Amino acid sequence: MNPTSLKILRIEQVCEKTGQSKAAVWYRINPKNRRHDASFPKPFRLSENGRAVGWLESEIDEWIKKRAESRL
């Protein structure tokens, strides 16, 4: 990926990249859930008054890379 370009991923794409279900992704970002993962990238709103959110692909890729590096 070109470091100067930004790509937004929607939930379906995040699931595909991480191999997790939608529920698992939402659990990871919910601090009230026991499966919360503070290291997982936070989504951001795609519009001021809408419910749609997205993640930066570079942040998801970095999270995957860190998870792979921390393998036993």
N, C-alpha and C. Protein backbone atom coordinates (compact mmCIF):
# COMPACT_ATOMS: atom_id res chain seq x y z
N MET A 1 0.85 -1.18 0.00
CA MET A 1 0.00 0.00 0.00
C MET A 1 0.88 1.23 0.00
N ASN A 2 0.51 2.23 -0.76
CA ASN A 2 1.22 3.49 -0.81
C ASN A 2 1.03 4.21 0.52
N PRO A 3 2.11 4.61 1.22
CA PRO A 3 1.96 5.22 2.54
C PRO A 3 1.19 6.53 2.54
N THR A 4 1.10 7.21 1.39
CA THR A 4 0.39 8.48 1.36
C THR A 4 -1.09 8.32 1.03
N SER A 5 -1.51 7.13 0.65
CA SER A 5 -2.93 6.93 0.34
C SER A 5 -3.64 6.30 1.54
N LEU A 6 -4.88 6.68 1.73
CA LEU A 6 -5.68 6.15 2.82
C LEU A 6 -6.86 5.39 2.23
N LYS A 7 -7.11 4.23 2.78
CA LYS A 7 -8.27 3.45 2.35
C LYS A 7 -9.10 3.14 3.57
N ILE A 8 -10.40 3.35 3.44
CA ILE A 8 -11.34 3.07 4.52
C ILE A 8 -11.96 1.70 4.29
N LEU A 9 -11.95 0.90 5.35
CA LEU A 9 -12.60 -0.41 5.30
C LEU A 9 -13.89 -0.36 6.08
N ARG A 10 -14.91 -0.99 5.55
CA ARG A 10 -16.17 -1.16 6.27
C ARG A 10 -16.11 -2.47 7.05
N ILE A 11 -17.10 -2.71 7.88
CA ILE A 11 -17.08 -3.86 8.78
C ILE A 11 -16.87 -5.18 8.03
N GLU A 12 -17.51 -5.35 6.88
CA GLU A 12 -17.36 -6.59 6.12
C GLU A 12 -15.92 -6.81 5.69
N GLN A 13 -15.26 -5.74 5.27
CA GLN A 13 -13.87 -5.84 4.84
C GLN A 13 -12.94 -6.10 6.02
N VAL A 14 -13.24 -5.50 7.17
CA VAL A 14 -12.44 -5.74 8.38
C VAL A 14 -12.57 -7.22 8.76
N CYS A 15 -13.78 -7.73 8.70
CA CYS A 15 -14.01 -9.16 9.01
C CYS A 15 -13.22 -10.05 8.07
N GLU A 16 -13.25 -9.72 6.80
CA GLU A 16 -12.54 -10.53 5.81
C GLU A 16 -11.03 -10.49 6.06
N LYS A 17 -10.49 -9.31 6.34
CA LYS A 17 -9.05 -9.18 6.58
C LYS A 17 -8.61 -9.87 7.85
N THR A 18 -9.41 -9.79 8.91
CA THR A 18 -9.00 -10.34 10.20
C THR A 18 -9.45 -11.78 10.40
N GLY A 19 -10.38 -12.25 9.59
CA GLY A 19 -10.89 -13.61 9.74
C GLY A 19 -11.84 -13.74 10.91
N GLN A 20 -12.43 -12.63 11.34
CA GLN A 20 -13.34 -12.64 12.48
C GLN A 20 -14.77 -12.32 12.03
N SER A 21 -15.71 -12.69 12.88
CA SER A 21 -17.11 -12.37 12.60
C SER A 21 -17.37 -10.91 12.94
N LYS A 22 -18.52 -10.40 12.47
CA LYS A 22 -18.92 -9.04 12.83
C LYS A 22 -19.03 -8.89 14.33
N ALA A 23 -19.64 -9.88 14.97
CA ALA A 23 -19.81 -9.82 16.44
C ALA A 23 -18.46 -9.74 17.13
N ALA A 24 -17.48 -10.52 16.68
CA ALA A 24 -16.16 -10.51 17.31
C ALA A 24 -15.49 -9.15 17.17
N VAL A 25 -15.65 -8.51 16.03
CA VAL A 25 -15.08 -7.17 15.84
C VAL A 25 -15.75 -6.19 16.79
N TRP A 26 -17.07 -6.23 16.88
CA TRP A 26 -17.77 -5.30 17.77
C TRP A 26 -17.41 -5.58 19.22
N TYR A 27 -17.22 -6.83 19.61
CA TYR A 27 -16.79 -7.15 20.98
C TYR A 27 -15.43 -6.52 21.26
N ARG A 28 -14.53 -6.60 20.30
CA ARG A 28 -13.18 -6.07 20.49
C ARG A 28 -13.16 -4.57 20.75
N ILE A 29 -14.10 -3.83 20.16
CA ILE A 29 -14.07 -2.38 20.31
C ILE A 29 -14.98 -1.88 21.44
N ASN A 30 -15.73 -2.77 22.07
CA ASN A 30 -16.65 -2.38 23.14
C ASN A 30 -15.96 -2.56 24.50
N PRO A 31 -15.60 -1.45 25.16
CA PRO A 31 -14.89 -1.56 26.44
C PRO A 31 -15.71 -2.24 27.55
N LYS A 32 -17.01 -2.34 27.39
CA LYS A 32 -17.85 -2.99 28.40
C LYS A 32 -17.91 -4.50 28.22
N ASN A 33 -17.38 -4.98 27.10
CA ASN A 33 -17.42 -6.42 26.82
C ASN A 33 -16.17 -7.09 27.35
N ARG A 34 -16.32 -8.30 27.86
CA ARG A 34 -15.16 -9.02 28.42
C ARG A 34 -14.14 -9.38 27.34
N ARG A 35 -14.54 -9.36 26.08
CA ARG A 35 -13.63 -9.67 24.97
C ARG A 35 -12.98 -8.42 24.39
N HIS A 36 -13.16 -7.29 25.07
CA HIS A 36 -12.60 -6.03 24.59
C HIS A 36 -11.09 -6.15 24.38
N ASP A 37 -10.60 -5.57 23.31
CA ASP A 37 -9.17 -5.57 22.99
C ASP A 37 -8.76 -4.13 22.73
N ALA A 38 -8.11 -3.52 23.71
CA ALA A 38 -7.72 -2.10 23.60
C ALA A 38 -6.75 -1.86 22.45
N SER A 39 -6.07 -2.91 21.98
CA SER A 39 -5.12 -2.72 20.89
C SER A 39 -5.79 -2.73 19.51
N PHE A 40 -7.05 -3.14 19.47
CA PHE A 40 -7.75 -3.18 18.18
C PHE A 40 -8.07 -1.76 17.73
N PRO A 41 -7.85 -1.44 16.46
CA PRO A 41 -8.10 -0.08 15.97
C PRO A 41 -9.55 0.36 16.20
N LYS A 42 -9.70 1.61 16.54
CA LYS A 42 -11.03 2.19 16.77
C LYS A 42 -11.63 2.65 15.44
N PRO A 43 -12.91 2.40 15.23
CA PRO A 43 -13.55 2.90 14.01
C PRO A 43 -13.84 4.39 14.15
N PHE A 44 -14.16 5.01 13.04
CA PHE A 44 -14.57 6.41 13.07
C PHE A 44 -15.81 6.58 12.21
N ARG A 45 -16.59 7.60 12.52
CA ARG A 45 -17.84 7.85 11.79
C ARG A 45 -17.52 8.37 10.39
N LEU A 46 -18.29 7.90 9.43
CA LEU A 46 -18.09 8.32 8.05
C LEU A 46 -18.91 9.55 7.69
N SER A 47 -19.86 9.90 8.55
CA SER A 47 -20.62 11.15 8.38
C SER A 47 -20.99 11.66 9.76
N GLU A 48 -21.27 12.93 9.85
CA GLU A 48 -21.54 13.54 11.15
C GLU A 48 -22.80 13.00 11.82
N ASN A 49 -23.85 12.77 11.05
CA ASN A 49 -25.10 12.34 11.66
C ASN A 49 -25.54 10.94 11.23
N GLY A 50 -24.63 10.20 10.65
CA GLY A 50 -24.96 8.84 10.24
C GLY A 50 -24.39 7.81 11.20
N ARG A 51 -24.78 6.58 11.00
CA ARG A 51 -24.29 5.50 11.86
C ARG A 51 -23.15 4.72 11.22
N ALA A 52 -22.87 4.97 9.96
CA ALA A 52 -21.83 4.24 9.26
C ALA A 52 -20.46 4.56 9.84
N VAL A 53 -19.67 3.51 10.04
CA VAL A 53 -18.31 3.68 10.53
C VAL A 53 -17.34 2.95 9.62
N GLY A 54 -16.08 3.31 9.74
CA GLY A 54 -15.03 2.66 8.96
C GLY A 54 -13.73 2.64 9.75
N TRP A 55 -12.81 1.84 9.25
CA TRP A 55 -11.48 1.73 9.84
C TRP A 55 -10.46 2.05 8.76
N LEU A 56 -9.32 2.60 9.17
CA LEU A 56 -8.24 2.79 8.21
C LEU A 56 -7.57 1.45 7.95
N GLU A 57 -7.41 1.13 6.70
CA GLU A 57 -6.80 -0.15 6.34
C GLU A 57 -5.41 -0.28 6.94
N SER A 58 -4.65 0.81 6.95
CA SER A 58 -3.29 0.76 7.48
C SER A 58 -3.28 0.39 8.97
N GLU A 59 -4.29 0.84 9.73
CA GLU A 59 -4.36 0.50 11.15
C GLU A 59 -4.73 -0.97 11.34
N ILE A 60 -5.61 -1.48 10.52
CA ILE A 60 -5.97 -2.90 10.60
C ILE A 60 -4.77 -3.76 10.22
N ASP A 61 -4.07 -3.37 9.16
CA ASP A 61 -2.88 -4.11 8.74
C ASP A 61 -1.82 -4.12 9.83
N GLU A 62 -1.63 -2.99 10.50
CA GLU A 62 -0.64 -2.90 11.58
C GLU A 62 -1.04 -3.78 12.76
N TRP A 63 -2.33 -3.82 13.08
CA TRP A 63 -2.82 -4.68 14.18
C TRP A 63 -2.55 -6.15 13.84
N ILE A 64 -2.83 -6.54 12.60
CA ILE A 64 -2.58 -7.93 12.18
C ILE A 64 -1.08 -8.23 12.29
N LYS A 65 -0.26 -7.31 11.83
CA LYS A 65 1.19 -7.51 11.87
C LYS A 65 1.67 -7.69 13.31
N LYS A 66 1.18 -6.86 14.23
CA LYS A 66 1.59 -6.97 15.63
C LYS A 66 1.13 -8.28 16.25
N ARG A 67 -0.07 -8.72 15.88
CA ARG A 67 -0.56 -10.01 16.39
C ARG A 67 0.32 -11.14 15.89
N ALA A 68 0.71 -11.08 14.63
CA ALA A 68 1.56 -12.13 14.07
C ALA A 68 2.94 -12.13 14.72
N GLU A 69 3.46 -10.95 15.02
CA GLU A 69 4.79 -10.84 15.65
C GLU A 69 4.79 -11.34 17.09
N SER A 70 3.62 -11.33 17.73
CA SER A 70 3.55 -11.73 19.14
C SER A 70 3.27 -13.22 19.31
N ARG A 71 3.31 -13.97 18.21
CA ARG A 71 3.08 -15.41 18.29
C ARG A 71 4.11 -16.07 19.19
N LEU A 72 3.71 -17.17 19.80
CA LEU A 72 4.63 -17.92 20.66
C LEU A 72 5.62 -18.71 19.84
